[in-house]
Amino acid sequence: MLKLITMKRIYFQGLLLILISFVFSELYSQKVIDKKLLPGSWMGHLAVQGVEMRMIFNIKINEKDSLIVTADSPDQGAKNIPIGPVFINGETVNIKAPLLLGEYKGDLVNDTTFKGTWSQRGVIFPLTIVKLSGQFSLNRPQEPKPSFPYISEDITFLNSKSNIRLAGTLTLPKGNGPFKAAILITGSGGQNRNEEIQGHKPFLVISDWLTRNGIAVLRFDDRGIGKSEGSQFEATSEDFATDVEAAFEFLKTQKKINPKAIGLIGHSEGGLIAPIVASTNPEISFIVSLAGPGVTGQQIILRQSEEAGRASGIPEQNIKKSTEINKKLFAVLRKEKDNKKAEKKILALYREILQEEKMPAESIDRAVSSLKTTFGESSYTWYRYFLTTDAANFWKKVKCPVLALNGEKDMQVSPVENLPAIEKAVTSNGNKSVRAIKLPGLNHLFQHSQKGLPSEYGKIDETFSPEALKIISDWINSLILVN
């Protein structure tokens, strides 16, 4: 289902952004709508907490002269979501979306443009839609297409601790092996085995590259996502670590896998889960941290909010104010362990802060409603764990070789803050086999980018830097591991 503002956790591959913002919009209209102008694809851009997402309405007229509409959100991997009905009232078009608890209202500007708003669960976003000349398609040149020069198998394995079965794909180089192997671990928010985000499939690209270079790869759907059982609700990084442990035990049973050469590759939150697993399992042979944390979750969230705000042109005094508000809200969450009580206290505190700012009552109600949607009770268990967890405590216990990579322009997990912290923590226990690299020009998804803003992710054709892919495969293949 299309989830434009109802994400359990705020993430577009690892996004933990909580940037308080207030939305204002104006409606314009100039002409009376001709129904025959509507068929086609109309695209607009939604700005949700600093992240820009494309939204597309595909409109057709059926044999009964009725308007039929579907919605796409290409940056979230959602397509052909049935919506409607459509109403035309003079100069205004109104597209209902009951399945999404939303609707679009737009006034005609000209034959190819409507200017209006998208509302969902009481939150209103400005949305101008423009008619496309043809059907929308994403350009993803790195996405591998069959046939493949390796074996690809869909598999399942059991997490006996949680009693759930997880589904994934195992890719094996041709030959008898035994091969080195890597388990890919996704970032925060429910992700499928390809870590699909904003129209990109980074784990598909990574697994294809590694397998072509002689390394077996297991990637799997997060619990409650795709074909995996279980639920994201109430789950923390520690729970997800048990899923990775189960994947590790599964790989050890595979004849073509060298059980002494199985490592972990974690992206974003996955870069926290990897050391959680390795800190208690000496059998883990290596870790590749892709934009993984080395400090506390609260430090990461506050810094990413500040950096994204500056890159978006938000005045420094507003950024400082948002940081102080977030700290106060986080303090409530850390202290109050009952999620329902925590939500009431957080929303009441936020309302009180906005009232002190002398905001209009209507704007306050809208802002509080928005906060409840994006930072509400259902996400608190995960957030509380993440905020209070210091990744360094796990890195200190890791004995295997570590490769830590970060993009220079990563605004979600800062290389300046996290790379030195990981290196310091790993070496503090006498483990000298650690390499930390800051890669020029790359963002959180390891794409070459202009600013590093999350809003750029879906607009960039590149899925994953070829330079980063080569560094990973060369490093793993250089490791001398015992058979």
Protein backbone atom coordinates (compact mmCIF):
# COMPACT_ATOMS: atom_id res chain seq x y z
CA MET A 1 0.00 0.00 0.00
CA LEU A 2 1.14 3.50 -0.78
CA LYS A 3 2.37 5.13 2.43
CA LEU A 4 3.00 8.78 1.86
CA ILE A 5 2.91 9.97 5.47
CA THR A 6 2.16 6.86 7.51
CA MET A 7 5.58 5.27 7.69
CA LYS A 8 6.15 3.41 10.94
CA ARG A 9 9.58 4.95 11.06
CA ILE A 10 10.66 7.94 9.04
CA TYR A 11 13.09 6.42 6.53
CA PHE A 12 14.08 6.36 2.91
CA GLN A 13 16.97 3.82 3.47
CA GLY A 14 17.84 4.55 6.96
CA LEU A 15 16.12 8.05 7.23
CA LEU A 16 15.49 8.83 10.91
CA LEU A 17 14.68 12.47 10.23
CA ILE A 18 12.42 14.34 12.65
CA LEU A 19 12.55 17.91 11.46
CA ILE A 20 9.65 20.00 12.75
CA SER A 21 8.13 21.95 9.90
CA PHE A 22 4.98 23.88 9.17
CA VAL A 23 3.21 23.71 5.84
CA PHE A 24 1.37 26.56 4.17
CA SER A 25 -0.24 26.49 0.73
CA GLU A 26 -2.33 28.65 -1.60
CA LEU A 27 -4.83 27.62 -4.22
CA TYR A 28 -5.03 29.19 -7.66
CA SER A 29 -7.51 28.68 -10.48
CA GLN A 30 -7.98 30.21 -13.84
CA LYS A 31 -10.19 28.08 -16.09
CA VAL A 32 -13.19 25.81 -16.21
CA ILE A 33 -12.09 22.18 -16.49
CA ASP A 34 -12.67 20.30 -19.72
CA LYS A 35 -13.09 16.64 -18.76
CA LYS A 36 -11.27 15.55 -21.91
CA LEU A 37 -8.07 17.21 -20.66
CA LEU A 38 -7.76 14.83 -17.69
CA PRO A 39 -6.80 11.43 -19.19
CA GLY A 40 -3.05 10.82 -18.89
CA SER A 41 -0.40 10.80 -16.16
CA TRP A 42 -0.06 13.79 -13.85
CA MET A 43 3.00 14.13 -11.62
CA GLY A 44 3.75 16.32 -8.62
CA HIS A 45 6.32 16.48 -5.83
CA LEU A 46 5.43 16.12 -2.14
CA ALA A 47 7.84 17.54 0.42
CA VAL A 48 7.56 15.39 3.55
CA GLN A 49 9.93 16.51 6.32
CA GLY A 50 12.67 17.52 3.94
CA VAL A 51 12.24 14.49 1.68
CA GLU A 52 10.80 15.09 -1.79
CA MET A 53 8.63 12.31 -3.21
CA ARG A 54 7.04 12.10 -6.60
CA MET A 55 3.33 11.37 -6.74
CA ILE A 56 1.59 10.39 -9.95
CA PHE A 57 -2.11 10.21 -10.79
CA ASN A 58 -2.93 8.04 -13.82
CA ILE A 59 -6.34 9.03 -15.18
CA LYS A 60 -8.42 7.21 -17.79
CA ILE A 61 -11.96 7.49 -19.13
CA ASN A 62 -13.79 4.15 -19.32
CA GLU A 63 -16.56 3.07 -21.70
CA LYS A 64 -19.16 4.59 -19.37
CA ASP A 65 -17.46 7.99 -19.64
CA SER A 66 -16.33 7.74 -16.00
CA LEU A 67 -12.90 8.79 -14.78
CA ILE A 68 -10.75 5.95 -13.42
CA VAL A 69 -7.63 6.78 -11.39
CA THR A 70 -4.62 4.93 -10.01
CA ALA A 71 -1.73 6.41 -8.02
CA ASP A 72 2.01 5.72 -8.19
CA SER A 73 4.72 6.70 -5.73
CA PRO A 74 7.85 5.70 -7.67
CA ASP A 75 10.17 6.83 -4.90
CA GLN A 76 8.51 4.34 -2.55
CA GLY A 77 8.17 1.50 -5.03
CA ALA A 78 4.36 1.75 -5.07
CA LYS A 79 2.44 1.48 -8.34
CA ASN A 80 -1.13 1.21 -9.63
CA ILE A 81 -2.83 1.87 -6.29
CA PRO A 82 -6.57 2.15 -7.03
CA ILE A 83 -8.00 5.49 -5.92
CA GLY A 84 -11.00 7.63 -6.80
CA PRO A 85 -13.74 8.65 -7.33
CA VAL A 86 -13.02 11.92 -9.14
CA PHE A 87 -15.24 14.98 -8.86
CA ILE A 88 -15.15 18.10 -11.02
CA ASN A 89 -16.64 21.27 -9.62
CA GLY A 90 -16.21 24.14 -12.03
CA GLU A 91 -12.53 25.02 -11.86
CA THR A 92 -11.59 22.40 -9.25
CA VAL A 93 -10.77 18.70 -9.47
CA ASN A 94 -11.15 16.54 -6.37
CA ILE A 95 -9.57 13.05 -6.36
CA LYS A 96 -10.59 10.91 -3.40
CA ALA A 97 -8.25 8.21 -2.06
CA PRO A 98 -10.14 6.31 0.67
CA LEU A 99 -7.61 3.47 0.84
CA LEU A 100 -4.92 6.01 1.69
CA LEU A 101 -7.17 8.14 3.90
CA GLY A 102 -6.33 11.02 1.60
CA GLU A 103 -7.51 13.25 -1.21
CA TYR A 104 -6.22 15.71 -3.75
CA LYS A 105 -7.86 19.07 -4.44
CA GLY A 106 -6.47 21.15 -7.28
CA ASP A 107 -7.44 24.25 -9.20
CA LEU A 108 -6.78 24.48 -12.93
CA VAL A 109 -3.87 26.75 -13.86
CA ASN A 110 -3.73 25.78 -17.54
CA ASP A 111 -4.34 22.72 -19.72
CA THR A 112 -1.38 20.87 -18.22
CA THR A 113 -1.20 22.10 -14.62
CA PHE A 114 -3.25 21.92 -11.42
CA LYS A 115 -2.19 23.69 -8.23
CA GLY A 116 -3.60 22.43 -4.97
CA THR A 117 -3.07 20.22 -1.93
CA TRP A 118 -2.76 16.58 -0.98
CA SER A 119 -4.20 15.81 2.46
CA GLN A 120 -3.78 12.57 4.38
CA ARG A 121 -4.82 11.79 7.93
CA GLY A 122 -5.44 15.46 8.60
CA VAL A 123 -2.04 16.64 7.35
CA ILE A 124 -2.02 18.96 4.33
CA PHE A 125 0.79 19.26 1.78
CA PRO A 126 1.04 21.63 -1.18
CA LEU A 127 0.95 19.63 -4.43
CA THR A 128 1.14 21.00 -7.96
CA ILE A 129 0.66 18.32 -10.62
CA VAL A 130 1.76 18.61 -14.24
CA LYS A 131 0.62 16.43 -17.13
CA LEU A 132 3.37 14.24 -18.54
CA SER A 133 3.90 13.76 -22.24
CA GLY A 134 3.88 9.98 -21.80
CA GLN A 135 4.00 7.25 -19.20
CA PHE A 136 6.44 7.83 -16.36
CA SER A 137 9.43 5.50 -16.10
CA LEU A 138 12.54 5.42 -13.91
CA ASN A 139 16.02 5.20 -15.38
CA ARG A 140 18.02 2.70 -13.34
CA PRO A 141 20.94 1.64 -15.58
CA GLN A 142 22.69 -0.38 -12.87
CA GLU A 143 19.75 -2.64 -12.13
CA PRO A 144 20.84 -6.12 -13.26
CA LYS A 145 18.72 -8.03 -15.77
CA PRO A 146 18.74 -11.79 -16.43
CA SER A 147 20.29 -13.96 -17.52
CA PHE A 148 22.87 -14.05 -14.73
CA PRO A 149 26.28 -15.79 -14.75
CA TYR A 150 25.54 -17.27 -11.32
CA ILE A 151 22.92 -19.27 -9.43
CA SER A 152 20.00 -17.45 -7.78
CA GLU A 153 17.72 -19.32 -5.38
CA ASP A 154 14.71 -18.13 -3.38
CA ILE A 155 15.01 -19.59 0.10
CA THR A 156 13.42 -19.46 3.56
CA PHE A 157 14.91 -19.93 7.02
CA LEU A 158 13.55 -20.06 10.56
CA ASN A 159 14.25 -17.60 13.37
CA SER A 160 13.56 -20.00 16.24
CA LYS A 161 13.88 -17.25 18.88
CA SER A 162 10.94 -15.32 17.40
CA ASN A 163 9.31 -18.36 15.75
CA ILE A 164 9.03 -16.64 12.38
CA ARG A 165 10.12 -17.77 8.94
CA LEU A 166 12.03 -15.28 6.82
CA ALA A 167 12.25 -15.30 3.03
CA GLY A 168 15.13 -14.23 0.86
CA THR A 169 17.39 -14.87 -2.11
CA LEU A 170 20.73 -16.67 -2.08
CA THR A 171 23.08 -16.00 -5.00
CA LEU A 172 25.99 -18.39 -5.57
CA PRO A 173 28.92 -18.10 -7.97
CA LYS A 174 29.14 -20.96 -10.43
CA GLY A 175 31.41 -23.77 -9.30
CA ASN A 176 31.67 -26.08 -6.32
CA GLY A 177 32.99 -23.61 -3.77
CA PRO A 178 33.13 -23.42 -0.86
CA PHE A 179 32.63 -19.66 -1.23
CA LYS A 180 32.98 -16.72 1.06
CA ALA A 181 29.53 -15.34 1.83
CA ALA A 182 27.94 -12.08 2.95
CA ILE A 183 24.58 -11.41 4.60
CA LEU A 184 23.07 -8.06 3.62
CA ILE A 185 21.31 -6.16 6.43
CA THR A 186 18.88 -3.36 5.59
CA GLY A 187 18.49 0.04 7.19
CA SER A 188 15.64 1.29 9.36
CA GLY A 189 12.03 0.93 8.31
CA GLY A 190 10.55 -2.18 6.74
CA GLN A 191 12.63 -3.04 3.67
CA ASN A 192 12.38 -5.85 1.16
CA ARG A 193 15.34 -8.04 0.21
CA ASN A 194 16.49 -5.50 -2.39
CA GLU A 195 16.33 -2.67 0.16
CA GLU A 196 14.07 -0.94 -2.33
CA ILE A 197 13.89 2.81 -1.79
CA GLN A 198 12.92 5.75 -3.98
CA GLY A 199 12.89 3.54 -7.06
CA HIS A 200 16.34 2.08 -6.35
CA LYS A 201 17.30 -1.50 -5.42
CA PRO A 202 20.75 -1.14 -3.85
CA PHE A 203 20.92 -4.65 -2.40
CA LEU A 204 20.10 -6.16 -5.78
CA VAL A 205 22.99 -4.20 -7.31
CA ILE A 206 25.38 -5.10 -4.47
CA SER A 207 24.51 -8.81 -4.49
CA ASP A 208 24.88 -8.98 -8.27
CA TRP A 209 28.31 -7.34 -8.15
CA LEU A 210 29.63 -9.44 -5.28
CA THR A 211 28.40 -12.73 -6.73
CA ARG A 212 29.98 -11.92 -10.09
CA ASN A 213 33.19 -11.43 -8.11
CA GLY A 214 33.11 -14.81 -6.42
CA ILE A 215 31.23 -14.00 -3.19
CA ALA A 216 27.94 -15.68 -2.27
CA VAL A 217 25.25 -13.32 -0.96
CA LEU A 218 22.11 -13.80 1.13
CA ARG A 219 19.61 -10.94 1.15
CA PHE A 220 16.20 -11.28 2.79
CA ASP A 221 12.92 -9.45 3.36
CA ASP A 222 12.69 -7.80 6.78
CA ARG A 223 10.22 -9.39 9.18
CA GLY A 224 6.66 -8.52 8.18
CA ILE A 225 7.78 -7.36 4.72
CA GLY A 226 7.47 -9.17 1.39
CA LYS A 227 7.33 -12.92 2.00
CA SER A 228 8.77 -12.83 5.53
CA GLU A 229 6.62 -13.56 8.56
CA GLY A 230 6.49 -11.49 11.72
CA SER A 231 5.88 -7.81 12.35
CA GLN A 232 7.85 -4.58 12.52
CA PHE A 233 5.63 -3.41 15.36
CA GLU A 234 7.44 -3.27 18.71
CA ALA A 235 10.63 -4.65 17.11
CA THR A 236 14.02 -3.06 17.83
CA SER A 237 17.50 -3.39 16.36
CA GLU A 238 18.12 -6.16 18.90
CA ASP A 239 15.15 -8.14 17.52
CA PHE A 240 16.35 -7.65 13.95
CA ALA A 241 19.76 -8.93 15.07
CA THR A 242 18.16 -12.31 15.85
CA ASP A 243 16.92 -12.44 12.23
CA VAL A 244 20.51 -11.98 11.05
CA GLU A 245 21.70 -14.67 13.46
CA ALA A 246 19.14 -17.04 11.94
CA ALA A 247 20.39 -16.16 8.44
CA PHE A 248 23.93 -16.93 9.58
CA GLU A 249 22.93 -20.34 10.94
CA PHE A 250 21.15 -21.09 7.67
CA LEU A 251 24.22 -20.26 5.59
CA LYS A 252 26.38 -22.56 7.71
CA THR A 253 24.28 -25.50 6.50
CA GLN A 254 24.85 -24.76 2.81
CA LYS A 255 27.40 -27.07 1.19
CA LYS A 256 28.79 -24.45 -1.20
CA ILE A 257 29.37 -21.91 1.60
CA ASN A 258 32.58 -21.83 3.64
CA PRO A 259 31.21 -21.74 7.22
CA LYS A 260 34.45 -20.08 8.37
CA ALA A 261 34.07 -17.23 5.88
CA ILE A 262 30.60 -15.76 6.47
CA GLY A 263 30.40 -12.01 7.10
CA LEU A 264 27.88 -9.21 7.45
CA ILE A 265 27.26 -6.13 5.30
CA GLY A 266 24.96 -3.65 7.04
CA HIS A 267 23.62 -0.38 5.68
CA SER A 268 22.57 2.46 8.01
CA GLU A 269 20.74 0.77 10.91
CA GLY A 270 22.07 -2.46 9.44
CA GLY A 271 25.50 -1.06 10.33
CA LEU A 272 24.36 -1.13 13.97
CA ILE A 273 22.78 -4.58 13.75
CA ALA A 274 25.99 -6.09 12.32
CA PRO A 275 28.17 -5.32 15.40
CA ILE A 276 25.29 -6.33 17.69
CA VAL A 277 25.46 -9.78 16.11
CA ALA A 278 29.26 -9.97 15.90
CA SER A 279 29.75 -8.74 19.47
CA THR A 280 28.40 -12.06 20.78
CA ASN A 281 29.25 -14.36 17.87
CA PRO A 282 32.98 -14.95 17.29
CA GLU A 283 32.15 -17.01 14.18
CA ILE A 284 31.33 -13.88 12.18
CA SER A 285 34.27 -13.54 9.77
CA PHE A 286 34.03 -9.88 8.73
CA ILE A 287 31.83 -6.78 8.79
CA VAL A 288 31.31 -4.14 6.12
CA SER A 289 29.59 -1.10 7.61
CA LEU A 290 27.87 1.05 4.97
CA ALA A 291 27.04 4.38 6.63
CA GLY A 292 26.67 2.58 9.95
CA PRO A 293 26.54 4.39 13.31
CA GLY A 294 29.39 4.67 15.76
CA VAL A 295 27.65 6.95 18.28
CA THR A 296 24.24 7.10 19.97
CA GLY A 297 21.04 7.21 17.96
CA GLN A 298 20.09 10.54 19.48
CA GLN A 299 23.34 12.11 18.27
CA ILE A 300 22.68 10.78 14.77
CA ILE A 301 19.09 12.00 14.59
CA LEU A 302 19.84 15.47 15.90
CA ARG A 303 22.82 15.93 13.60
CA GLN A 304 21.00 14.72 10.49
CA SER A 305 18.13 17.11 11.19
CA GLU A 306 20.54 20.01 11.55
CA GLU A 307 22.56 19.19 8.42
CA ALA A 308 19.49 18.61 6.26
CA GLY A 309 18.02 21.87 7.54
CA ARG A 310 21.13 23.84 6.60
CA ALA A 311 21.33 22.24 3.17
CA SER A 312 17.66 23.12 2.63
CA GLY A 313 18.29 26.78 3.47
CA ILE A 314 16.48 26.84 6.80
CA PRO A 315 17.67 29.77 8.99
CA GLU A 316 20.12 28.78 11.73
CA GLN A 317 17.85 30.08 14.48
CA ASN A 318 15.03 27.81 13.26
CA ILE A 319 17.39 24.83 13.15
CA LYS A 320 18.51 25.53 16.71
CA LYS A 321 14.89 25.82 17.83
CA SER A 322 13.97 22.51 16.16
CA THR A 323 16.92 20.80 17.85
CA GLU A 324 15.84 22.05 21.26
CA ILE A 325 12.27 20.89 20.64
CA ASN A 326 13.44 17.45 19.53
CA LYS A 327 15.63 17.10 22.62
CA LYS A 328 12.65 17.85 24.86
CA LEU A 329 10.42 15.36 23.05
CA PHE A 330 13.13 12.69 23.13
CA ALA A 331 13.62 13.24 26.86
CA VAL A 332 9.95 12.40 27.44
CA LEU A 333 10.22 9.26 25.33
CA ARG A 334 13.36 8.10 27.10
CA LYS A 335 11.79 8.56 30.53
CA GLU A 336 8.22 7.32 29.93
CA LYS A 337 8.26 3.59 29.11
CA ASP A 338 4.50 3.29 28.55
CA ASN A 339 4.00 4.20 24.89
CA LYS A 340 0.41 5.42 25.20
CA LYS A 341 1.34 7.69 28.09
CA ALA A 342 4.45 8.82 26.26
CA GLU A 343 2.42 9.85 23.21
CA LYS A 344 0.01 11.90 25.31
CA LYS A 345 2.86 13.64 27.10
CA ILE A 346 4.82 14.31 23.90
CA LEU A 347 1.84 15.75 22.03
CA ALA A 348 0.83 17.86 25.04
CA LEU A 349 4.38 19.19 25.40
CA TYR A 350 4.60 19.97 21.69
CA ARG A 351 1.28 21.81 21.79
CA GLU A 352 2.48 23.81 24.79
CA ILE A 353 5.71 24.77 22.98
CA LEU A 354 3.79 25.95 19.90
CA GLN A 355 1.36 27.93 22.04
CA GLU A 356 4.32 29.71 23.61
CA GLU A 357 5.37 30.62 20.07
CA LYS A 358 1.96 32.34 19.64
CA MET A 359 1.03 30.22 16.65
CA PRO A 360 -2.57 30.29 15.38
CA ALA A 361 -4.74 27.53 16.86
CA GLU A 362 -5.41 25.98 13.45
CA SER A 363 -1.68 25.78 12.67
CA ILE A 364 -1.02 24.22 16.07
CA ASP A 365 -3.67 21.54 15.51
CA ARG A 366 -2.19 20.75 12.11
CA ALA A 367 1.37 20.56 13.47
CA VAL A 368 0.36 18.30 16.37
CA SER A 369 -1.56 16.04 14.02
CA SER A 370 1.48 15.83 11.75
CA LEU A 371 3.75 14.94 14.66
CA LYS A 372 1.36 12.21 15.82
CA THR A 373 1.42 10.71 12.31
CA THR A 374 5.18 10.77 11.83
CA PHE A 375 6.33 10.29 15.43
CA GLY A 376 3.56 8.42 17.18
CA GLU A 377 3.07 5.56 19.60
CA SER A 378 3.65 2.75 17.09
CA SER A 379 7.27 3.83 16.55
CA TYR A 380 8.21 4.52 20.16
CA THR A 381 9.65 1.10 21.10
CA TRP A 382 12.08 1.22 18.21
CA TYR A 383 12.93 4.89 18.74
CA ARG A 384 13.52 4.49 22.47
CA TYR A 385 16.02 1.70 21.84
CA PHE A 386 17.77 3.56 19.05
CA LEU A 387 17.99 6.87 20.90
CA THR A 388 19.57 5.32 23.97
CA THR A 389 21.89 2.83 22.28
CA ASP A 390 25.55 3.68 21.80
CA ALA A 391 26.87 1.70 18.82
CA ALA A 392 30.42 2.03 20.17
CA ASN A 393 29.59 -0.39 22.99
CA PHE A 394 29.06 -3.15 20.41
CA TRP A 395 31.97 -2.17 18.15
CA LYS A 396 34.32 -2.51 21.15
CA LYS A 397 33.50 -6.23 21.30
CA VAL A 398 34.01 -6.98 17.59
CA LYS A 399 37.07 -9.18 16.93
CA CYS A 400 36.74 -9.75 13.16
CA PRO A 401 38.06 -7.53 10.33
CA VAL A 402 35.97 -4.38 9.75
CA LEU A 403 35.57 -2.18 6.69
CA ALA A 404 33.66 1.04 7.47
CA LEU A 405 32.55 3.20 4.53
CA ASN A 406 30.72 6.53 4.54
CA GLY A 407 29.85 8.99 1.83
CA GLU A 408 31.38 12.44 2.20
CA LYS A 409 27.94 14.01 1.65
CA ASP A 410 25.98 11.65 3.90
CA MET A 411 23.48 13.78 5.83
CA GLN A 412 21.88 10.91 7.70
CA VAL A 413 24.88 9.25 9.29
CA SER A 414 27.68 11.79 9.33
CA PRO A 415 31.12 10.47 8.29
CA VAL A 416 32.79 13.15 10.42
CA GLU A 417 31.09 11.87 13.55
CA ASN A 418 30.74 8.14 12.95
CA LEU A 419 33.78 6.88 11.04
CA PRO A 420 36.30 7.96 13.72
CA ALA A 421 33.99 6.59 16.44
CA ILE A 422 33.82 3.16 14.79
CA GLU A 423 37.58 3.02 14.24
CA LYS A 424 38.30 4.10 17.82
CA ALA A 425 35.88 1.59 19.32
CA VAL A 426 37.09 -1.38 17.25
CA THR A 427 40.81 -0.70 17.92
CA SER A 428 40.20 -0.12 21.64
CA ASN A 429 39.93 -3.87 22.20
CA GLY A 430 43.14 -4.65 20.35
CA ASN A 431 41.54 -5.37 16.98
CA LYS A 432 43.79 -3.63 14.47
CA SER A 433 42.05 -5.05 11.40
CA VAL A 434 39.83 -2.06 10.70
CA ARG A 435 39.74 0.24 7.70
CA ALA A 436 37.61 3.42 7.65
CA ILE A 437 37.10 5.29 4.37
CA LYS A 438 35.23 8.49 3.57
CA LEU A 439 34.23 8.39 -0.11
CA PRO A 440 34.18 11.75 -1.95
CA GLY A 441 30.89 13.01 -3.38
CA LEU A 442 28.70 10.16 -2.12
CA ASN A 443 25.48 10.42 -0.14
CA HIS A 444 23.83 8.06 2.37
CA LEU A 445 22.86 5.65 -0.40
CA PHE A 446 26.40 5.78 -1.86
CA GLN A 447 25.26 7.69 -4.92
CA HIS A 448 27.22 10.57 -6.44
CA SER A 449 25.13 13.57 -5.44
CA GLN A 450 25.14 17.35 -5.39
CA LYS A 451 24.17 18.12 -1.80
CA GLY A 452 23.47 14.75 -0.20
CA LEU A 453 19.86 15.63 0.61
CA PRO A 454 17.40 12.70 0.86
CA SER A 455 15.24 14.55 -1.67
CA GLU A 456 17.91 13.82 -4.30
CA TYR A 457 17.90 10.03 -3.91
CA GLY A 458 15.10 9.20 -6.34
CA LYS A 459 16.23 11.76 -8.92
CA ILE A 460 19.69 10.24 -9.30
CA ASP A 461 20.00 7.51 -11.95
CA GLU A 462 22.92 5.83 -10.20
CA THR A 463 21.95 3.26 -7.57
CA PHE A 464 25.31 2.52 -5.93
CA SER A 465 28.77 3.91 -6.62
CA PRO A 466 30.92 1.56 -8.75
CA GLU A 467 33.98 2.72 -6.79
CA ALA A 468 32.35 1.65 -3.51
CA LEU A 469 31.33 -1.71 -5.00
CA LYS A 470 34.93 -2.41 -6.05
CA ILE A 471 36.31 -1.43 -2.65
CA ILE A 472 33.92 -3.85 -0.94
CA SER A 473 34.59 -6.84 -3.22
CA ASP A 474 38.37 -6.26 -3.30
CA TRP A 475 38.51 -6.02 0.50
CA ILE A 476 36.45 -9.18 1.10
CA ASN A 477 38.43 -11.14 -1.47
CA SER A 478 41.70 -9.96 0.11
CA LEU A 479 40.80 -11.41 3.50
CA ILE A 480 42.65 -14.59 4.36
CA LEU A 481 40.07 -16.69 6.18
CA VAL A 482 40.53 -20.23 7.47
CA ASN A 483 38.67 -23.00 5.59
